[in-house]
All heavy atoms as atom14 arrays in JSON, in Angstrom:
{
  "sequence": "MGLVMRACSHVVALAAGSTIADGTPAQVQRDPN",
  "atom14_mask": [
    [1, 1, 1, 1, 1, 1, 1, 1, 0, 0, 0, 0, 0, 0],
    [1, 1, 1, 1, 0, 0, 0, 0, 0, 0, 0, 0, 0, 0],
    [1, 1, 1, 1, 1, 1, 1, 1, 0, 0, 0, 0, 0, 0],
    [1, 1, 1, 1, 1, 1, 1, 0, 0, 0, 0, 0, 0, 0],
    [1, 1, 1, 1, 1, 1, 1, 1, 0, 0, 0, 0, 0, 0],
    [1, 1, 1, 1, 1, 1, 1, 1, 1, 1, 1, 0, 0, 0],
    [1, 1, 1, 1, 1, 0, 0, 0, 0, 0, 0, 0, 0, 0],
    [1, 1, 1, 1, 1, 1, 0, 0, 0, 0, 0, 0, 0, 0],
    [1, 1, 1, 1, 1, 1, 0, 0, 0, 0, 0, 0, 0, 0],
    [1, 1, 1, 1, 1, 1, 1, 1, 1, 1, 0, 0, 0, 0],
    [1, 1, 1, 1, 1, 1, 1, 0, 0, 0, 0, 0, 0, 0],
    [1, 1, 1, 1, 1, 1, 1, 0, 0, 0, 0, 0, 0, 0],
    [1, 1, 1, 1, 1, 0, 0, 0, 0, 0, 0, 0, 0, 0],
    [1, 1, 1, 1, 1, 1, 1, 1, 0, 0, 0, 0, 0, 0],
    [1, 1, 1, 1, 1, 0, 0, 0, 0, 0, 0, 0, 0, 0],
    [1, 1, 1, 1, 1, 0, 0, 0, 0, 0, 0, 0, 0, 0],
    [1, 1, 1, 1, 0, 0, 0, 0, 0, 0, 0, 0, 0, 0],
    [1, 1, 1, 1, 1, 1, 0, 0, 0, 0, 0, 0, 0, 0],
    [1, 1, 1, 1, 1, 1, 1, 0, 0, 0, 0, 0, 0, 0],
    [1, 1, 1, 1, 1, 1, 1, 1, 0, 0, 0, 0, 0, 0],
    [1, 1, 1, 1, 1, 0, 0, 0, 0, 0, 0, 0, 0, 0],
    [1, 1, 1, 1, 1, 1, 1, 1, 0, 0, 0, 0, 0, 0],
    [1, 1, 1, 1, 0, 0, 0, 0, 0, 0, 0, 0, 0, 0],
    [1, 1, 1, 1, 1, 1, 1, 0, 0, 0, 0, 0, 0, 0],
    [1, 1, 1, 1, 1, 1, 1, 0, 0, 0, 0, 0, 0, 0],
    [1, 1, 1, 1, 1, 0, 0, 0, 0, 0, 0, 0, 0, 0],
    [1, 1, 1, 1, 1, 1, 1, 1, 1, 0, 0, 0, 0, 0],
    [1, 1, 1, 1, 1, 1, 1, 0, 0, 0, 0, 0, 0, 0],
    [1, 1, 1, 1, 1, 1, 1, 1, 1, 0, 0, 0, 0, 0],
    [1, 1, 1, 1, 1, 1, 1, 1, 1, 1, 1, 0, 0, 0],
    [1, 1, 1, 1, 1, 1, 1, 1, 0, 0, 0, 0, 0, 0],
    [1, 1, 1, 1, 1, 1, 1, 0, 0, 0, 0, 0, 0, 0],
    [1, 1, 1, 1, 1, 1, 1, 1, 0, 0, 0, 0, 0, 0]
  ],
  "atom14_positions": [
    [[0.81, -1.22, 0.0], [0.0, 0.0, 0.0], [0.84, 1.27, 0.0], [0.45, 2.29, -0.57], [-0.94, 0.01, 1.21], [-2.09, -0.98, 1.11], [-3.17, -0.68, -0.32], [-2.56, -1.92, -1.47], [0.0, 0.0, 0.0], [0.0, 0.0, 0.0], [0.0, 0.0, 0.0], [0.0, 0.0, 0.0], [0.0, 0.0, 0.0], [0.0, 0.0, 0.0]],
    [[2.02, 1.22, 0.6], [2.88, 2.39, 0.58], [3.28, 2.76, -0.85], [3.27, 3.94, -1.22], [0.0, 0.0, 0.0], [0.0, 0.0, 0.0], [0.0, 0.0, 0.0], [0.0, 0.0, 0.0], [0.0, 0.0, 0.0], [0.0, 0.0, 0.0], [0.0, 0.0, 0.0], [0.0, 0.0, 0.0], [0.0, 0.0, 0.0], [0.0, 0.0, 0.0]],
    [[3.61, 1.74, -1.66], [3.96, 1.99, -3.05], [2.76, 2.52, -3.82], [2.88, 3.48, -4.6], [4.48, 0.7, -3.69], [4.83, 0.79, -5.18], [5.98, 1.76, -5.4], [5.16, -0.59, -5.75], [0.0, 0.0, 0.0], [0.0, 0.0, 0.0], [0.0, 0.0, 0.0], [0.0, 0.0, 0.0], [0.0, 0.0, 0.0], [0.0, 0.0, 0.0]],
    [[1.59, 1.93, -3.62], [0.39, 2.37, -4.32], [0.09, 3.83, -4.02], [-0.18, 4.63, -4.92], [-0.81, 1.48, -3.94], [-2.12, 2.06, -4.49], [-0.61, 0.06, -4.46], [0.0, 0.0, 0.0], [0.0, 0.0, 0.0], [0.0, 0.0, 0.0], [0.0, 0.0, 0.0], [0.0, 0.0, 0.0], [0.0, 0.0, 0.0], [0.0, 0.0, 0.0]],
    [[0.14, 4.19, -2.75], [-0.22, 5.55, -2.35], [0.76, 6.58, -2.89], [0.4, 7.72, -3.16], [-0.31, 5.65, -0.83], [-1.42, 4.81, -0.23], [-3.06, 5.28, -0.87], [-3.92, 3.71, -0.81], [0.0, 0.0, 0.0], [0.0, 0.0, 0.0], [0.0, 0.0, 0.0], [0.0, 0.0, 0.0], [0.0, 0.0, 0.0], [0.0, 0.0, 0.0]],
    [[2.02, 6.2, -3.08], [3.02, 7.14, -3.56], [3.14, 7.16, -5.08], [3.49, 8.18, -5.67], [4.38, 6.8, -2.94], [4.4, 7.0, -1.43], [5.66, 6.39, -0.82], [6.87, 7.1, -1.24], [8.09, 6.64, -1.02], [8.26, 5.47, -0.4], [9.15, 7.32, -1.41], [0.0, 0.0, 0.0], [0.0, 0.0, 0.0], [0.0, 0.0, 0.0]],
    [[2.85, 6.03, -5.73], [3.06, 5.94, -7.18], [1.83, 6.3, -7.99], [1.95, 6.72, -9.14], [3.51, 4.53, -7.55], [0.0, 0.0, 0.0], [0.0, 0.0, 0.0], [0.0, 0.0, 0.0], [0.0, 0.0, 0.0], [0.0, 0.0, 0.0], [0.0, 0.0, 0.0], [0.0, 0.0, 0.0], [0.0, 0.0, 0.0], [0.0, 0.0, 0.0]],
    [[0.64, 6.15, -7.4], [-0.59, 6.23, -8.18], [-1.35, 7.53, -7.92], [-1.37, 8.04, -6.8], [-1.51, 5.05, -7.84], [-0.75, 3.44, -8.15], [0.0, 0.0, 0.0], [0.0, 0.0, 0.0], [0.0, 0.0, 0.0], [0.0, 0.0, 0.0], [0.0, 0.0, 0.0], [0.0, 0.0, 0.0], [0.0, 0.0, 0.0], [0.0, 0.0, 0.0]],
    [[-1.99, 8.03, -8.95], [-2.9, 9.17, -8.81], [-4.36, 8.72, -8.78], [-5.25, 9.52, -8.49], [-2.7, 10.14, -9.98], [-2.94, 9.49, -11.23], [0.0, 0.0, 0.0], [0.0, 0.0, 0.0], [0.0, 0.0, 0.0], [0.0, 0.0, 0.0], [0.0, 0.0, 0.0], [0.0, 0.0, 0.0], [0.0, 0.0, 0.0], [0.0, 0.0, 0.0]],
    [[-4.6, 7.45, -9.05], [-5.94, 6.9, -9.19], [-5.88, 5.46, -8.68], [-4.93, 4.73, -8.99], [-6.34, 6.96, -10.67], [-7.64, 6.3, -11.02], [-7.97, 5.99, -12.33], [-8.69, 5.89, -10.27], [-9.17, 5.43, -12.36], [-9.61, 5.36, -11.12], [0.0, 0.0, 0.0], [0.0, 0.0, 0.0], [0.0, 0.0, 0.0], [0.0, 0.0, 0.0]],
    [[-6.85, 5.07, -7.88], [-6.87, 3.72, -7.32], [-8.27, 3.13, -7.49], [-9.27, 3.82, -7.25], [-6.48, 3.71, -5.82], [-6.59, 2.3, -5.25], [-5.06, 4.25, -5.64], [0.0, 0.0, 0.0], [0.0, 0.0, 0.0], [0.0, 0.0, 0.0], [0.0, 0.0, 0.0], [0.0, 0.0, 0.0], [0.0, 0.0, 0.0], [0.0, 0.0, 0.0]],
    [[-8.31, 1.87, -7.91], [-9.55, 1.11, -8.01], [-9.44, -0.07, -7.06], [-8.42, -0.78, -7.05], [-9.81, 0.61, -9.44], [-11.06, -0.26, -9.5], [-9.93, 1.79, -10.41], [0.0, 0.0, 0.0], [0.0, 0.0, 0.0], [0.0, 0.0, 0.0], [0.0, 0.0, 0.0], [0.0, 0.0, 0.0], [0.0, 0.0, 0.0], [0.0, 0.0, 0.0]],
    [[-10.45, -0.28, -6.22], [-10.44, -1.38, -5.26], [-11.5, -2.41, -5.63], [-12.64, -2.07, -5.96], [-10.7, -0.86, -3.85], [0.0, 0.0, 0.0], [0.0, 0.0, 0.0], [0.0, 0.0, 0.0], [0.0, 0.0, 0.0], [0.0, 0.0, 0.0], [0.0, 0.0, 0.0], [0.0, 0.0, 0.0], [0.0, 0.0, 0.0], [0.0, 0.0, 0.0]],
    [[-11.1, -3.69, -5.58], [-12.01, -4.8, -5.82], [-12.15, -5.61, -4.54], [-11.25, -5.68, -3.71], [-11.46, -5.72, -6.92], [-11.2, -5.16, -8.31], [-10.68, -6.27, -9.23], [-12.44, -4.52, -8.9], [0.0, 0.0, 0.0], [0.0, 0.0, 0.0], [0.0, 0.0, 0.0], [0.0, 0.0, 0.0], [0.0, 0.0, 0.0], [0.0, 0.0, 0.0]],
    [[-13.3, -6.25, -4.41], [-13.54, -7.23, -3.34], [-14.58, -8.2, -3.84], [-15.62, -7.79, -4.38], [-14.0, -6.56, -2.05], [0.0, 0.0, 0.0], [0.0, 0.0, 0.0], [0.0, 0.0, 0.0], [0.0, 0.0, 0.0], [0.0, 0.0, 0.0], [0.0, 0.0, 0.0], [0.0, 0.0, 0.0], [0.0, 0.0, 0.0], [0.0, 0.0, 0.0]],
    [[-14.3, -9.49, -3.7], [-15.23, -10.54, -4.11], [-15.7, -10.35, -5.55], [-16.85, -10.61, -5.88], [-16.43, -10.6, -3.17], [0.0, 0.0, 0.0], [0.0, 0.0, 0.0], [0.0, 0.0, 0.0], [0.0, 0.0, 0.0], [0.0, 0.0, 0.0], [0.0, 0.0, 0.0], [0.0, 0.0, 0.0], [0.0, 0.0, 0.0], [0.0, 0.0, 0.0]],
    [[-14.79, -9.87, -6.41], [-15.1, -9.74, -7.82], [-15.86, -8.51, -8.22], [-16.25, -8.37, -9.39], [0.0, 0.0, 0.0], [0.0, 0.0, 0.0], [0.0, 0.0, 0.0], [0.0, 0.0, 0.0], [0.0, 0.0, 0.0], [0.0, 0.0, 0.0], [0.0, 0.0, 0.0], [0.0, 0.0, 0.0], [0.0, 0.0, 0.0], [0.0, 0.0, 0.0]],
    [[-16.08, -7.57, -7.3], [-16.83, -6.36, -7.6], [-16.0, -5.11, -7.32], [-15.11, -5.12, -6.46], [-18.11, -6.29, -6.77], [-18.99, -7.34, -7.1], [0.0, 0.0, 0.0], [0.0, 0.0, 0.0], [0.0, 0.0, 0.0], [0.0, 0.0, 0.0], [0.0, 0.0, 0.0], [0.0, 0.0, 0.0], [0.0, 0.0, 0.0], [0.0, 0.0, 0.0]],
    [[-16.3, -4.03, -8.04], [-15.66, -2.75, -7.78], [-16.3, -2.13, -6.54], [-17.5, -1.92, -6.49], [-15.88, -1.78, -8.97], [-15.61, -2.46, -10.19], [-14.98, -0.56, -8.84], [0.0, 0.0, 0.0], [0.0, 0.0, 0.0], [0.0, 0.0, 0.0], [0.0, 0.0, 0.0], [0.0, 0.0, 0.0], [0.0, 0.0, 0.0], [0.0, 0.0, 0.0]],
    [[-15.48, -1.84, -5.52], [-16.03, -1.29, -4.28], [-15.61, 0.15, -4.04], [-16.2, 0.84, -3.21], [-15.68, -2.15, -3.06], [-14.16, -2.26, -2.88], [-16.33, -3.52, -3.16], [-13.74, -2.86, -1.54], [0.0, 0.0, 0.0], [0.0, 0.0, 0.0], [0.0, 0.0, 0.0], [0.0, 0.0, 0.0], [0.0, 0.0, 0.0], [0.0, 0.0, 0.0]],
    [[-14.58, 0.62, -4.76], [-14.15, 2.01, -4.61], [-13.34, 2.41, -5.83], [-12.68, 1.58, -6.45], [-13.33, 2.2, -3.34], [0.0, 0.0, 0.0], [0.0, 0.0, 0.0], [0.0, 0.0, 0.0], [0.0, 0.0, 0.0], [0.0, 0.0, 0.0], [0.0, 0.0, 0.0], [0.0, 0.0, 0.0], [0.0, 0.0, 0.0], [0.0, 0.0, 0.0]],
    [[-13.39, 3.71, -6.17], [-12.7, 4.21, -7.36], [-12.49, 5.71, -7.16], [-13.45, 6.47, -7.07], [-13.58, 3.95, -8.59], [-12.91, 4.34, -9.91], [-11.9, 5.07, -9.88], [-13.41, 3.92, -10.97], [0.0, 0.0, 0.0], [0.0, 0.0, 0.0], [0.0, 0.0, 0.0], [0.0, 0.0, 0.0], [0.0, 0.0, 0.0], [0.0, 0.0, 0.0]],
    [[-11.23, 6.12, -7.01], [-10.96, 7.53, -6.78], [-9.5, 7.79, -6.55], [-8.64, 7.01, -6.98], [0.0, 0.0, 0.0], [0.0, 0.0, 0.0], [0.0, 0.0, 0.0], [0.0, 0.0, 0.0], [0.0, 0.0, 0.0], [0.0, 0.0, 0.0], [0.0, 0.0, 0.0], [0.0, 0.0, 0.0], [0.0, 0.0, 0.0], [0.0, 0.0, 0.0]],
    [[-9.18, 8.88, -5.88], [-7.8, 9.18, -5.54], [-7.33, 8.22, -4.46], [-8.14, 7.6, -3.75], [-7.67, 10.62, -5.04], [-8.35, 10.73, -3.78], [-8.25, 11.62, -6.04], [0.0, 0.0, 0.0], [0.0, 0.0, 0.0], [0.0, 0.0, 0.0], [0.0, 0.0, 0.0], [0.0, 0.0, 0.0], [0.0, 0.0, 0.0], [0.0, 0.0, 0.0]],
    [[-6.01, 8.09, -4.27], [-5.52, 7.23, -3.2], [-6.11, 7.58, -1.83], [-6.49, 6.69, -1.06], [-4.0, 7.44, -3.24], [-3.73, 7.79, -4.66], [-4.9, 8.61, -5.11], [0.0, 0.0, 0.0], [0.0, 0.0, 0.0], [0.0, 0.0, 0.0], [0.0, 0.0, 0.0], [0.0, 0.0, 0.0], [0.0, 0.0, 0.0], [0.0, 0.0, 0.0]],
    [[-6.19, 8.87, -1.51], [-6.73, 9.28, -0.21], [-8.2, 8.9, -0.08], [-8.63, 8.44, 0.99], [-6.55, 10.78, -0.03], [0.0, 0.0, 0.0], [0.0, 0.0, 0.0], [0.0, 0.0, 0.0], [0.0, 0.0, 0.0], [0.0, 0.0, 0.0], [0.0, 0.0, 0.0], [0.0, 0.0, 0.0], [0.0, 0.0, 0.0], [0.0, 0.0, 0.0]],
    [[-8.97, 9.09, -1.14], [-10.4, 8.74, -1.1], [-10.59, 7.24, -0.89], [-11.42, 6.83, -0.07], [-11.07, 9.18, -2.4], [-11.23, 10.67, -2.56], [-11.66, 11.06, -3.96], [-11.45, 10.33, -4.92], [-12.25, 12.25, -4.09], [0.0, 0.0, 0.0], [0.0, 0.0, 0.0], [0.0, 0.0, 0.0], [0.0, 0.0, 0.0], [0.0, 0.0, 0.0]],
    [[-9.83, 6.45, -1.62], [-9.99, 5.0, -1.53], [-9.5, 4.48, -0.18], [-10.11, 3.59, 0.42], [-9.25, 4.31, -2.69], [-9.2, 2.79, -2.49], [-9.93, 4.66, -4.02], [0.0, 0.0, 0.0], [0.0, 0.0, 0.0], [0.0, 0.0, 0.0], [0.0, 0.0, 0.0], [0.0, 0.0, 0.0], [0.0, 0.0, 0.0], [0.0, 0.0, 0.0]],
    [[-8.42, 5.05, 0.33], [-7.86, 4.6, 1.6], [-8.84, 4.75, 2.75], [-8.86, 3.93, 3.67], [-6.57, 5.38, 1.88], [-5.75, 4.82, 3.04], [-4.43, 5.55, 3.16], [-4.35, 6.77, 2.93], [-3.38, 4.83, 3.49], [0.0, 0.0, 0.0], [0.0, 0.0, 0.0], [0.0, 0.0, 0.0], [0.0, 0.0, 0.0], [0.0, 0.0, 0.0]],
    [[-9.68, 5.78, 2.71], [-10.61, 5.99, 3.81], [-12.03, 5.53, 3.48], [-12.94, 5.75, 4.28], [-10.62, 7.46, 4.22], [-11.07, 8.45, 3.15], [-11.15, 9.87, 3.71], [-11.55, 10.83, 2.7], [-10.7, 11.61, 2.03], [-9.4, 11.53, 2.28], [-11.13, 12.45, 1.1], [0.0, 0.0, 0.0], [0.0, 0.0, 0.0], [0.0, 0.0, 0.0]],
    [[-12.22, 4.91, 2.32], [-13.54, 4.43, 1.95], [-13.97, 3.3, 2.88], [-13.22, 2.35, 3.1], [-13.51, 3.92, 0.5], [-14.89, 3.62, -0.04], [-15.48, 2.61, 0.41], [-15.38, 4.37, -0.9], [0.0, 0.0, 0.0], [0.0, 0.0, 0.0], [0.0, 0.0, 0.0], [0.0, 0.0, 0.0], [0.0, 0.0, 0.0], [0.0, 0.0, 0.0]],
    [[-15.18, 3.37, 3.46], [-15.61, 2.33, 4.4], [-15.69, 0.95, 3.76], [-15.49, -0.07, 4.45], [-16.99, 2.81, 4.87], [-17.43, 3.81, 3.86], [-16.18, 4.45, 3.34], [0.0, 0.0, 0.0], [0.0, 0.0, 0.0], [0.0, 0.0, 0.0], [0.0, 0.0, 0.0], [0.0, 0.0, 0.0], [0.0, 0.0, 0.0], [0.0, 0.0, 0.0]],
    [[-15.99, 0.86, 2.47], [-16.02, -0.44, 1.81], [-14.63, -1.08, 1.76], [-14.48, -2.29, 1.95], [-16.55, -0.28, 0.38], [-18.0, 0.15, 0.34], [-18.75, -0.08, 1.28], [-18.39, 0.78, -0.75], [0.0, 0.0, 0.0], [0.0, 0.0, 0.0], [0.0, 0.0, 0.0], [0.0, 0.0, 0.0], [0.0, 0.0, 0.0], [0.0, 0.0, 0.0]]
  ]
}
C-alpha cells in the first residue's frame, strides 16, 4: 500500500469480484467499503 499511495494518482479497489471504490488514493484509503 505504501507503493500504491506514492506511485498512483488513481486507485480502483475490488472485493469478491466487484468494484467497491474508485478515486484518488486518499479517497480509496478511507472508503468504508
